Amino acid sequence: MLKADLHIHTKYSMDSNTSLDELISRCLELDINCVAIADHGTTEGAIKLKRIAPFLVIVAEEILTPNGEIMGMFLKETIPSRLSVEETISRIRAQGGLVCIPHPFDRFRPSALDSDILEAIVDQVDIIEVFNARTLPFQNLNGAKIFAQKYGLLQSAGSDAHTLSEIGNAYVEMPEFNGRDDFITALAQGNICGSRTNPLVHFLSLGNRIKKKFRK
């Protein structure tokens, strides 16, 4: 069985400082043996990690559209930010990727995809992230799960780690898989695990973003 954290950021995101070597060491320490690296606006770190990690790495990207974020999974190259929702999905599909919606219905996250848009494109969505460890503790997590069940969508979970200590806070226990199509079958048999992260980590992300902006 795999212990898969399907939403992690690295130093290639503007609000994270986690190096690839640090990430590998932390995953090995926690027995996390599958990760989806979904940096903001780039697949560079994910592609590099896939070459060197001793465990499964899914190349993903959190892509910002004018209506919120969409995650592409099993990508081969970066998809630009600020494209329309329709164009973003088209480019994910062109790479043979899967369309995942991260942190849906999160009222306190400006980057969450607009719920009306989500309803409109539901037939183009493969996966709903039903547990994101960074969701604030007073929010109801059932909305995403109910939505996924209503439309028969695959359910995923991830720590959304922007710092090293967050890795593995949420994950999916699932069978081993070999490639995109096998992943779909394995995820359908997955079990969501983990707990919410201390909300103070959001300040660390903000600090990383400010530091990187000033360095530029």
C-alpha atoms as a PDB file:
ATOM      1  CA  MET A   1       0.000   0.000   0.000  1.00  0.00           C
ATOM      2  CA  LEU A   2       1.044   3.564  -0.658  1.00  0.00           C
ATOM      3  CA  LYS A   3       0.920   6.479   1.747  1.00  0.00           C
ATOM      4  CA  ALA A   4       0.319   9.253  -0.782  1.00  0.00           C
ATOM      5  CA  ASP A   5       0.397  12.961   0.048  1.00  0.00           C
ATOM      6  CA  LEU A   6      -1.210  14.337  -3.097  1.00  0.00           C
ATOM      7  CA  HIS A   7      -0.573  18.054  -2.607  1.00  0.00           C
ATOM      8  CA  ILE A   8       2.903  19.331  -1.653  1.00  0.00           C
ATOM      9  CA  HIS A   9       4.825  22.521  -2.472  1.00  0.00           C
ATOM     10  CA  THR A  10       8.572  23.042  -2.770  1.00  0.00           C
ATOM     11  CA  LYS A  11      10.926  26.010  -3.026  1.00  0.00           C
ATOM     12  CA  TYR A  12       9.781  26.346  -6.637  1.00  0.00           C
ATOM     13  CA  SER A  13       6.549  27.868  -5.285  1.00  0.00           C
ATOM     14  CA  MET A  14       6.714  31.566  -4.396  1.00  0.00           C
ATOM     15  CA  ASP A  15       5.583  30.862  -0.808  1.00  0.00           C
ATOM     16  CA  SER A  16       7.645  27.786   0.130  1.00  0.00           C
ATOM     17  CA  ASN A  17      11.318  27.215   0.963  1.00  0.00           C
ATOM     18  CA  THR A  18      11.345  23.397   1.090  1.00  0.00           C
ATOM     19  CA  SER A  19      14.266  22.020  -0.893  1.00  0.00           C
ATOM     20  CA  LEU A  20      13.973  18.779  -2.837  1.00  0.00           C
ATOM     21  CA  ASP A  21      16.570  17.052  -0.663  1.00  0.00           C
ATOM     22  CA  GLU A  22      14.739  18.099   2.498  1.00  0.00           C
ATOM     23  CA  LEU A  23      11.469  16.858   1.066  1.00  0.00           C
ATOM     24  CA  ILE A  24      12.933  13.448   0.231  1.00  0.00           C
ATOM     25  CA  SER A  25      14.392  13.046   3.719  1.00  0.00           C
ATOM     26  CA  ARG A  26      11.138  14.061   5.400  1.00  0.00           C
ATOM     27  CA  CYS A  27       9.042  11.696   3.279  1.00  0.00           C
ATOM     28  CA  LEU A  28      11.362   8.787   4.032  1.00  0.00           C
ATOM     29  CA  GLU A  29      11.161   9.622   7.738  1.00  0.00           C
ATOM     30  CA  LEU A  30       7.340   9.554   7.618  1.00  0.00           C
ATOM     31  CA  ASP A  31       7.019   6.573   5.247  1.00  0.00           C
ATOM     32  CA  ILE A  32       5.365   8.809   2.648  1.00  0.00           C
ATOM     33  CA  ASN A  33       6.117   6.842  -0.518  1.00  0.00           C
ATOM     34  CA  CYS A  34       4.085   8.762  -3.080  1.00  0.00           C
ATOM     35  CA  VAL A  35       3.734  12.518  -3.548  1.00  0.00           C
ATOM     36  CA  ALA A  36       2.108  14.915  -5.980  1.00  0.00           C
ATOM     37  CA  ILE A  37       4.248  18.040  -6.262  1.00  0.00           C
ATOM     38  CA  ALA A  38       1.870  20.857  -7.157  1.00  0.00           C
ATOM     39  CA  ASP A  39       3.906  24.051  -7.092  1.00  0.00           C
ATOM     40  CA  HIS A  40       2.238  27.325  -7.994  1.00  0.00           C
ATOM     41  CA  GLY A  41       2.659  28.072 -11.672  1.00  0.00           C
ATOM     42  CA  THR A  42       5.471  25.627 -12.444  1.00  0.00           C
ATOM     43  CA  THR A  43       6.272  21.942 -12.882  1.00  0.00           C
ATOM     44  CA  GLU A  44      10.035  22.532 -12.678  1.00  0.00           C
ATOM     45  CA  GLY A  45      10.500  21.250  -9.133  1.00  0.00           C
ATOM     46  CA  ALA A  46       8.197  18.270  -9.664  1.00  0.00           C
ATOM     47  CA  ILE A  47      10.058  17.177 -12.791  1.00  0.00           C
ATOM     48  CA  LYS A  48      13.410  17.455 -11.003  1.00  0.00           C
ATOM     49  CA  LEU A  49      12.158  15.562  -7.966  1.00  0.00           C
ATOM     50  CA  LYS A  50      10.791  12.760 -10.145  1.00  0.00           C
ATOM     51  CA  ARG A  51      14.316  12.173 -11.465  1.00  0.00           C
ATOM     52  CA  ILE A  52      15.929  11.828  -8.032  1.00  0.00           C
ATOM     53  CA  ALA A  53      13.306  10.638  -5.529  1.00  0.00           C
ATOM     54  CA  PRO A  54      13.365   6.992  -4.358  1.00  0.00           C
ATOM     55  CA  PHE A  55       9.563   6.933  -4.346  1.00  0.00           C
ATOM     56  CA  LEU A  56       6.667   7.718  -6.676  1.00  0.00           C
ATOM     57  CA  VAL A  57       6.358  11.352  -7.776  1.00  0.00           C
ATOM     58  CA  ILE A  58       3.359  12.716  -9.667  1.00  0.00           C
ATOM     59  CA  VAL A  59       4.202  15.833 -11.661  1.00  0.00           C
ATOM     60  CA  ALA A  60       1.436  18.302 -10.897  1.00  0.00           C
ATOM     61  CA  GLU A  61       0.859  22.061 -10.856  1.00  0.00           C
ATOM     62  CA  GLU A  62      -1.523  24.433  -9.117  1.00  0.00           C
ATOM     63  CA  ILE A  63      -2.585  26.679 -11.964  1.00  0.00           C
ATOM     64  CA  LEU A  64      -4.176  30.031 -11.195  1.00  0.00           C
ATOM     65  CA  THR A  65      -7.052  31.012 -13.487  1.00  0.00           C
ATOM     66  CA  PRO A  66      -9.139  34.214 -13.284  1.00  0.00           C
ATOM     67  CA  ASN A  67     -11.735  32.157 -11.371  1.00  0.00           C
ATOM     68  CA  GLY A  68      -9.453  30.307  -8.965  1.00  0.00           C
ATOM     69  CA  GLU A  69      -6.969  27.434  -8.915  1.00  0.00           C
ATOM     70  CA  ILE A  70      -7.074  24.157 -10.813  1.00  0.00           C
ATOM     71  CA  MET A  71      -4.553  21.361 -10.284  1.00  0.00           C
ATOM     72  CA  GLY A  72      -3.246  19.447 -13.257  1.00  0.00           C
ATOM     73  CA  MET A  73      -1.823  16.007 -12.454  1.00  0.00           C
ATOM     74  CA  PHE A  74       0.443  13.772 -14.554  1.00  0.00           C
ATOM     75  CA  LEU A  75       1.729  16.755 -16.499  1.00  0.00           C
ATOM     76  CA  LYS A  76       4.749  16.880 -18.779  1.00  0.00           C
ATOM     77  CA  GLU A  77       5.343  20.652 -18.766  1.00  0.00           C
ATOM     78  CA  THR A  78       4.217  23.876 -17.116  1.00  0.00           C
ATOM     79  CA  ILE A  79       0.868  25.401 -17.994  1.00  0.00           C
ATOM     80  CA  PRO A  80       0.813  29.228 -17.780  1.00  0.00           C
ATOM     81  CA  SER A  81      -1.236  31.019 -15.147  1.00  0.00           C
ATOM     82  CA  ARG A  82      -4.111  33.421 -15.905  1.00  0.00           C
ATOM     83  CA  LEU A  83      -5.556  31.393 -18.758  1.00  0.00           C
ATOM     84  CA  SER A  84      -9.303  30.831 -18.720  1.00  0.00           C
ATOM     85  CA  VAL A  85     -10.691  27.820 -16.873  1.00  0.00           C
ATOM     86  CA  GLU A  86     -11.634  26.240 -20.203  1.00  0.00           C
ATOM     87  CA  GLU A  87      -8.197  26.784 -21.746  1.00  0.00           C
ATOM     88  CA  THR A  88      -6.445  25.526 -18.612  1.00  0.00           C
ATOM     89  CA  ILE A  89      -8.450  22.299 -18.654  1.00  0.00           C
ATOM     90  CA  SER A  90      -7.822  21.928 -22.382  1.00  0.00           C
ATOM     91  CA  ARG A  91      -4.070  22.186 -21.842  1.00  0.00           C
ATOM     92  CA  ILE A  92      -4.145  19.655 -18.998  1.00  0.00           C
ATOM     93  CA  ARG A  93      -6.032  17.248 -21.260  1.00  0.00           C
ATOM     94  CA  ALA A  94      -3.613  17.868 -24.145  1.00  0.00           C
ATOM     95  CA  GLN A  95      -0.824  16.499 -21.935  1.00  0.00           C
ATOM     96  CA  GLY A  96      -2.864  13.460 -20.969  1.00  0.00           C
ATOM     97  CA  GLY A  97      -3.272  14.863 -17.469  1.00  0.00           C
ATOM     98  CA  LEU A  98      -6.004  14.681 -14.868  1.00  0.00           C
ATOM     99  CA  VAL A  99      -8.042  17.663 -13.661  1.00  0.00           C
ATOM    100  CA  CYS A 100      -8.163  18.002  -9.874  1.00  0.00           C
ATOM    101  CA  ILE A 101      -9.872  20.773  -7.910  1.00  0.00           C
ATOM    102  CA  PRO A 102      -7.842  21.692  -4.802  1.00  0.00           C
ATOM    103  CA  HIS A 103      -9.441  23.035  -1.607  1.00  0.00           C
ATOM    104  CA  PRO A 104     -12.939  23.547  -3.092  1.00  0.00           C
ATOM    105  CA  PHE A 105     -15.588  25.494  -1.176  1.00  0.00           C
ATOM    106  CA  ASP A 106     -12.921  27.033   1.099  1.00  0.00           C
ATOM    107  CA  ARG A 107     -14.563  30.336   2.024  1.00  0.00           C
ATOM    108  CA  PHE A 108     -11.364  31.782   3.477  1.00  0.00           C
ATOM    109  CA  ARG A 109      -9.082  31.006   0.561  1.00  0.00           C
ATOM    110  CA  PRO A 110      -9.272  33.545  -2.292  1.00  0.00           C
ATOM    111  CA  SER A 111      -7.619  31.056  -4.659  1.00  0.00           C
ATOM    112  CA  ALA A 112     -10.413  28.458  -4.295  1.00  0.00           C
ATOM    113  CA  LEU A 113     -12.201  27.863  -7.576  1.00  0.00           C
ATOM    114  CA  ASP A 114     -15.503  29.721  -7.779  1.00  0.00           C
ATOM    115  CA  SER A 115     -18.254  27.279  -6.765  1.00  0.00           C
ATOM    116  CA  ASP A 116     -20.548  28.302  -9.640  1.00  0.00           C
ATOM    117  CA  ILE A 117     -17.719  27.666 -12.102  1.00  0.00           C
ATOM    118  CA  LEU A 118     -17.085  24.276 -10.493  1.00  0.00           C
ATOM    119  CA  GLU A 119     -20.726  23.310 -10.996  1.00  0.00           C
ATOM    120  CA  ALA A 120     -20.524  24.405 -14.629  1.00  0.00           C
ATOM    121  CA  ILE A 121     -17.397  22.368 -15.448  1.00  0.00           C
ATOM    122  CA  VAL A 122     -18.059  19.321 -13.271  1.00  0.00           C
ATOM    123  CA  ASP A 123     -18.207  16.993 -16.275  1.00  0.00           C
ATOM    124  CA  GLN A 124     -14.598  17.963 -17.066  1.00  0.00           C
ATOM    125  CA  VAL A 125     -13.283  17.286 -13.543  1.00  0.00           C
ATOM    126  CA  ASP A 126     -11.645  13.990 -12.557  1.00  0.00           C
ATOM    127  CA  ILE A 127     -10.747  14.506  -8.892  1.00  0.00           C
ATOM    128  CA  ILE A 128     -11.960  16.576  -5.951  1.00  0.00           C
ATOM    129  CA  GLU A 129      -9.598  17.232  -3.054  1.00  0.00           C
ATOM    130  CA  VAL A 130     -11.934  16.356  -0.178  1.00  0.00           C
ATOM    131  CA  PHE A 131      -9.370  16.894   2.587  1.00  0.00           C
ATOM    132  CA  ASN A 132      -6.772  19.660   2.551  1.00  0.00           C
ATOM    133  CA  ALA A 133      -4.861  19.841   5.834  1.00  0.00           C
ATOM    134  CA  ARG A 134      -4.544  23.619   5.566  1.00  0.00           C
ATOM    135  CA  THR A 135      -8.286  24.207   5.668  1.00  0.00           C
ATOM    136  CA  LEU A 136      -9.084  26.296   8.728  1.00  0.00           C
ATOM    137  CA  PRO A 137     -10.429  24.228  11.655  1.00  0.00           C
ATOM    138  CA  PHE A 138     -13.836  25.912  11.913  1.00  0.00           C
ATOM    139  CA  GLN A 139     -14.777  25.054   8.331  1.00  0.00           C
ATOM    140  CA  ASN A 140     -16.953  22.095   7.416  1.00  0.00           C
ATOM    141  CA  LEU A 141     -15.052  19.586   5.290  1.00  0.00           C
ATOM    142  CA  ASN A 142     -18.129  17.638   4.251  1.00  0.00           C
ATOM    143  CA  GLY A 143     -19.059  19.923   1.357  1.00  0.00           C
ATOM    144  CA  ALA A 144     -16.285  18.705  -0.931  1.00  0.00           C
ATOM    145  CA  LYS A 145     -16.955  15.065  -0.073  1.00  0.00           C
ATOM    146  CA  ILE A 146     -20.693  15.414  -0.693  1.00  0.00           C
ATOM    147  CA  PHE A 147     -19.980  17.130  -4.016  1.00  0.00           C
ATOM    148  CA  ALA A 148     -17.577  14.360  -5.091  1.00  0.00           C
ATOM    149  CA  GLN A 149     -20.086  11.673  -4.150  1.00  0.00           C
ATOM    150  CA  LYS A 150     -22.938  13.474  -5.908  1.00  0.00           C
ATOM    151  CA  TYR A 151     -21.073  13.540  -9.221  1.00  0.00           C
ATOM    152  CA  GLY A 152     -19.133  10.280  -8.852  1.00  0.00           C
ATOM    153  CA  LEU A 153     -15.716  11.974  -8.793  1.00  0.00           C
ATOM    154  CA  LEU A 154     -12.490  10.558  -7.392  1.00  0.00           C
ATOM    155  CA  GLN A 155     -11.510  11.857  -3.947  1.00  0.00           C
ATOM    156  CA  SER A 156      -8.016  12.931  -2.939  1.00  0.00           C
ATOM    157  CA  ALA A 157      -6.243  14.435   0.060  1.00  0.00           C
ATOM    158  CA  GLY A 158      -3.036  16.332   0.650  1.00  0.00           C
ATOM    159  CA  SER A 159      -1.171  18.299   3.249  1.00  0.00           C
ATOM    160  CA  ASP A 160      -0.816  21.326   0.919  1.00  0.00           C
ATOM    161  CA  ALA A 161       2.540  21.553   2.687  1.00  0.00           C
ATOM    162  CA  HIS A 162       4.440  24.777   2.202  1.00  0.00           C
ATOM    163  CA  THR A 163       6.811  23.951   5.065  1.00  0.00           C
ATOM    164  CA  LEU A 164       8.731  20.780   5.866  1.00  0.00           C
ATOM    165  CA  SER A 165       6.837  19.996   9.060  1.00  0.00           C
ATOM    166  CA  GLU A 166       3.470  19.896   7.254  1.00  0.00           C
ATOM    167  CA  ILE A 167       4.324  17.036   4.916  1.00  0.00           C
ATOM    168  CA  GLY A 168       2.152  13.991   5.571  1.00  0.00           C
ATOM    169  CA  ASN A 169      -0.480  15.830   7.613  1.00  0.00           C
ATOM    170  CA  ALA A 170      -3.034  14.548   5.106  1.00  0.00           C
ATOM    171  CA  TYR A 171      -2.640  11.639   2.731  1.00  0.00           C
ATOM    172  CA  VAL A 172      -4.389   8.784   0.957  1.00  0.00           C
ATOM    173  CA  GLU A 173      -3.715   5.142   1.761  1.00  0.00           C
ATOM    174  CA  MET A 174      -4.068   3.476  -1.630  1.00  0.00           C
ATOM    175  CA  PRO A 175      -2.831   0.514  -3.676  1.00  0.00           C
ATOM    176  CA  GLU A 176       0.345   0.845  -5.714  1.00  0.00           C
ATOM    177  CA  PHE A 177      -0.105   2.020  -9.289  1.00  0.00           C
ATOM    178  CA  ASN A 178       1.812   2.293 -12.520  1.00  0.00           C
ATOM    179  CA  GLY A 179       0.976   5.411 -14.490  1.00  0.00           C
ATOM    180  CA  ARG A 180      -2.038   7.674 -14.928  1.00  0.00           C
ATOM    181  CA  ASP A 181      -4.716   5.136 -15.767  1.00  0.00           C
ATOM    182  CA  ASP A 182      -3.652   2.754 -13.007  1.00  0.00           C
ATOM    183  CA  PHE A 183      -3.661   5.719 -10.598  1.00  0.00           C
ATOM    184  CA  ILE A 184      -7.367   6.277 -11.288  1.00  0.00           C
ATOM    185  CA  THR A 185      -8.175   2.714 -10.313  1.00  0.00           C
ATOM    186  CA  ALA A 186      -5.950   2.858  -7.222  1.00  0.00           C
ATOM    187  CA  LEU A 187      -7.311   6.205  -5.997  1.00  0.00           C
ATOM    188  CA  ALA A 188     -10.865   4.888  -6.239  1.00  0.00           C
ATOM    189  CA  GLN A 189      -9.845   2.335  -3.597  1.00  0.00           C
ATOM    190  CA  GLY A 190      -8.098   4.903  -1.396  1.00  0.00           C
ATOM    191  CA  ASN A 191      -8.714   5.802   2.229  1.00  0.00           C
ATOM    192  CA  ILE A 192      -8.427   9.454   3.332  1.00  0.00           C
ATOM    193  CA  CYS A 193      -6.230   9.966   6.412  1.00  0.00           C
ATOM    194  CA  GLY A 194      -4.684  12.760   8.444  1.00  0.00           C
ATOM    195  CA  SER A 195      -5.507  15.827  10.496  1.00  0.00           C
ATOM    196  CA  ARG A 196      -5.656  19.574  10.077  1.00  0.00           C
ATOM    197  CA  THR A 197      -2.510  21.661  10.278  1.00  0.00           C
ATOM    198  CA  ASN A 198      -2.093  24.449  12.821  1.00  0.00           C
ATOM    199  CA  PRO A 199      -3.458  27.536  10.982  1.00  0.00           C
ATOM    200  CA  LEU A 200      -0.432  29.591  12.060  1.00  0.00           C
ATOM    201  CA  VAL A 201       1.527  27.987   9.198  1.00  0.00           C
ATOM    202  CA  HIS A 202      -0.242  30.403   6.858  1.00  0.00           C
ATOM    203  CA  PHE A 203       1.913  33.170   8.352  1.00  0.00           C
ATOM    204  CA  LEU A 204       5.050  31.188   7.435  1.00  0.00           C
ATOM    205  CA  SER A 205       3.849  31.021   3.832  1.00  0.00           C
ATOM    206  CA  LEU A 206       3.235  34.754   3.842  1.00  0.00           C
ATOM    207  CA  GLY A 207       6.725  35.322   5.239  1.00  0.00           C
ATOM    208  CA  ASN A 208       8.274  33.172   2.519  1.00  0.00           C
ATOM    209  CA  ARG A 209       6.376  35.088  -0.142  1.00  0.00           C
ATOM    210  CA  ILE A 210       7.569  38.456   1.211  1.00  0.00           C
ATOM    211  CA  LYS A 211      11.194  37.283   1.515  1.00  0.00           C
ATOM    212  CA  LYS A 212      11.253  35.989  -2.050  1.00  0.00           C
ATOM    213  CA  LYS A 213       9.685  39.172  -3.367  1.00  0.00           C
ATOM    214  CA  PHE A 214      12.361  41.310  -1.736  1.00  0.00           C
ATOM    215  CA  ARG A 215      15.152  39.040  -2.968  1.00  0.00           C
ATOM    216  CA  LYS A 216      13.990  39.670  -6.523  1.00  0.00           C
END
